Amino acid sequence: MTTTMISYRLEWTDPTGKNHTSAVTYDKPSAQDRKQRLETEGCTEITVRQVNPGEL
């Protein structure tokens, strides 16, 4: 049985207007948790996108 890991990366704008992209990838529950924490910190334009295998 094969299990495929799907990874996600976050992109957001911090409260000062600076754009960021996560340096690490997350599984879906962890990405959603990180998104919630960024929202709490006042970040905007937060997107969670799937990362293709081998993508940096």
N, C-alpha and C. Protein backbone atom coordinates (compact mmCIF):
# COMPACT_ATOMS: atom_id res chain seq x y z
N MET A 1 0.84 -1.17 0.00
CA MET A 1 0.00 0.00 0.00
C MET A 1 0.89 1.24 0.00
N THR A 2 0.58 2.18 -0.88
CA THR A 2 1.37 3.40 -1.01
C THR A 2 0.59 4.58 -0.43
N THR A 3 1.29 5.39 0.34
CA THR A 3 0.70 6.60 0.88
C THR A 3 1.41 7.78 0.24
N THR A 4 0.65 8.70 -0.30
CA THR A 4 1.22 9.88 -0.93
C THR A 4 1.09 11.07 0.02
N MET A 5 2.20 11.69 0.30
CA MET A 5 2.22 12.88 1.17
C MET A 5 1.96 14.10 0.30
N ILE A 6 0.98 14.88 0.67
CA ILE A 6 0.69 16.14 -0.02
C ILE A 6 1.16 17.27 0.89
N SER A 7 1.99 18.13 0.35
CA SER A 7 2.56 19.23 1.12
C SER A 7 1.96 20.55 0.69
N TYR A 8 1.97 21.51 1.62
CA TYR A 8 1.39 22.83 1.38
C TYR A 8 2.36 23.91 1.84
N ARG A 9 2.30 25.05 1.15
CA ARG A 9 3.13 26.20 1.47
C ARG A 9 2.20 27.39 1.68
N LEU A 10 2.58 28.29 2.56
CA LEU A 10 1.77 29.48 2.82
C LEU A 10 2.44 30.72 2.26
N GLU A 11 1.61 31.64 1.78
CA GLU A 11 2.06 32.96 1.34
C GLU A 11 1.16 33.96 2.04
N TRP A 12 1.72 35.09 2.51
CA TRP A 12 0.93 36.07 3.24
C TRP A 12 1.60 37.43 3.21
N THR A 13 0.84 38.43 3.63
CA THR A 13 1.34 39.79 3.78
C THR A 13 1.27 40.14 5.26
N ASP A 14 2.40 40.57 5.81
CA ASP A 14 2.42 40.91 7.24
C ASP A 14 1.78 42.27 7.47
N PRO A 15 1.55 42.65 8.73
CA PRO A 15 0.88 43.93 9.02
C PRO A 15 1.59 45.17 8.48
N THR A 16 2.89 45.06 8.17
CA THR A 16 3.62 46.21 7.63
C THR A 16 3.54 46.28 6.10
N GLY A 17 2.91 45.26 5.47
CA GLY A 17 2.76 45.24 4.02
C GLY A 17 3.79 44.40 3.30
N LYS A 18 4.68 43.73 4.02
CA LYS A 18 5.72 42.92 3.41
C LYS A 18 5.18 41.52 3.08
N ASN A 19 5.46 41.05 1.85
CA ASN A 19 5.04 39.71 1.43
C ASN A 19 6.01 38.65 1.93
N HIS A 20 5.45 37.49 2.28
CA HIS A 20 6.26 36.37 2.77
C HIS A 20 5.81 35.07 2.12
N THR A 21 6.73 34.13 2.02
CA THR A 21 6.44 32.76 1.62
C THR A 21 7.11 31.85 2.63
N SER A 22 6.40 30.84 3.09
CA SER A 22 6.99 29.95 4.09
C SER A 22 8.21 29.24 3.52
N ALA A 23 9.21 29.07 4.36
CA ALA A 23 10.45 28.39 3.97
C ALA A 23 10.32 26.88 4.09
N VAL A 24 9.28 26.45 4.75
CA VAL A 24 9.04 25.02 4.95
C VAL A 24 7.68 24.67 4.37
N THR A 25 7.44 23.38 4.20
CA THR A 25 6.12 22.92 3.77
C THR A 25 5.44 22.23 4.94
N TYR A 26 4.13 22.18 4.87
CA TYR A 26 3.32 21.64 5.95
C TYR A 26 2.36 20.58 5.41
N ASP A 27 1.91 19.68 6.29
CA ASP A 27 0.77 18.85 5.93
C ASP A 27 -0.46 19.75 6.08
N LYS A 28 -1.62 19.29 5.60
CA LYS A 28 -2.79 20.16 5.57
C LYS A 28 -3.23 20.66 6.95
N PRO A 29 -3.34 19.80 7.97
CA PRO A 29 -3.76 20.32 9.28
C PRO A 29 -2.78 21.35 9.85
N SER A 30 -1.49 21.13 9.65
CA SER A 30 -0.48 22.08 10.15
C SER A 30 -0.54 23.39 9.38
N ALA A 31 -0.79 23.33 8.08
CA ALA A 31 -0.91 24.55 7.27
C ALA A 31 -2.11 25.37 7.72
N GLN A 32 -3.22 24.70 8.00
CA GLN A 32 -4.41 25.41 8.47
C GLN A 32 -4.17 26.05 9.84
N ASP A 33 -3.45 25.33 10.71
CA ASP A 33 -3.10 25.88 12.03
C ASP A 33 -2.22 27.11 11.88
N ARG A 34 -1.22 27.03 11.01
CA ARG A 34 -0.32 28.17 10.78
C ARG A 34 -1.10 29.36 10.22
N LYS A 35 -2.04 29.10 9.31
CA LYS A 35 -2.87 30.16 8.75
C LYS A 35 -3.64 30.88 9.85
N GLN A 36 -4.22 30.12 10.76
CA GLN A 36 -4.97 30.73 11.86
C GLN A 36 -4.07 31.59 12.74
N ARG A 37 -2.84 31.11 13.00
CA ARG A 37 -1.91 31.91 13.81
C ARG A 37 -1.51 33.19 13.10
N LEU A 38 -1.32 33.13 11.78
CA LEU A 38 -0.98 34.34 11.01
C LEU A 38 -2.13 35.33 11.04
N GLU A 39 -3.36 34.84 10.94
CA GLU A 39 -4.53 35.72 11.02
C GLU A 39 -4.58 36.42 12.38
N THR A 40 -4.29 35.67 13.44
CA THR A 40 -4.27 36.23 14.79
C THR A 40 -3.21 37.33 14.93
N GLU A 41 -2.11 37.18 14.21
CA GLU A 41 -1.02 38.16 14.24
C GLU A 41 -1.31 39.39 13.37
N GLY A 42 -2.46 39.39 12.67
CA GLY A 42 -2.83 40.54 11.85
C GLY A 42 -2.37 40.47 10.40
N CYS A 43 -1.92 39.31 9.95
CA CYS A 43 -1.48 39.16 8.57
C CYS A 43 -2.70 39.05 7.65
N THR A 44 -2.53 39.43 6.38
CA THR A 44 -3.60 39.41 5.41
C THR A 44 -3.18 38.66 4.16
N GLU A 45 -4.11 38.49 3.24
CA GLU A 45 -3.84 37.83 1.95
C GLU A 45 -3.13 36.49 2.16
N ILE A 46 -3.60 35.72 3.10
CA ILE A 46 -2.98 34.42 3.42
C ILE A 46 -3.54 33.37 2.47
N THR A 47 -2.64 32.71 1.76
CA THR A 47 -3.05 31.62 0.89
C THR A 47 -2.29 30.37 1.26
N VAL A 48 -2.99 29.25 1.17
CA VAL A 48 -2.38 27.94 1.37
C VAL A 48 -2.44 27.26 0.02
N ARG A 49 -1.28 26.89 -0.52
CA ARG A 49 -1.28 26.26 -1.83
C ARG A 49 -0.53 24.94 -1.79
N GLN A 50 -0.98 24.02 -2.59
CA GLN A 50 -0.35 22.70 -2.66
C GLN A 50 0.98 22.83 -3.39
N VAL A 51 1.98 22.11 -2.89
CA VAL A 51 3.31 22.10 -3.47
C VAL A 51 3.47 20.81 -4.25
N ASN A 52 3.93 20.91 -5.48
CA ASN A 52 4.16 19.72 -6.29
C ASN A 52 5.41 18.99 -5.83
N PRO A 53 5.44 17.67 -5.98
CA PRO A 53 6.63 16.92 -5.59
C PRO A 53 7.89 17.47 -6.27
N GLY A 54 8.93 17.70 -5.49
CA GLY A 54 10.19 18.21 -6.01
C GLY A 54 10.26 19.72 -6.13
N GLU A 55 9.14 20.40 -5.91
CA GLU A 55 9.14 21.87 -5.98
C GLU A 55 9.80 22.48 -4.76
N LEU A 56 10.64 23.46 -4.98
CA LEU A 56 11.30 24.14 -3.87
C LEU A 56 10.53 25.34 -3.41
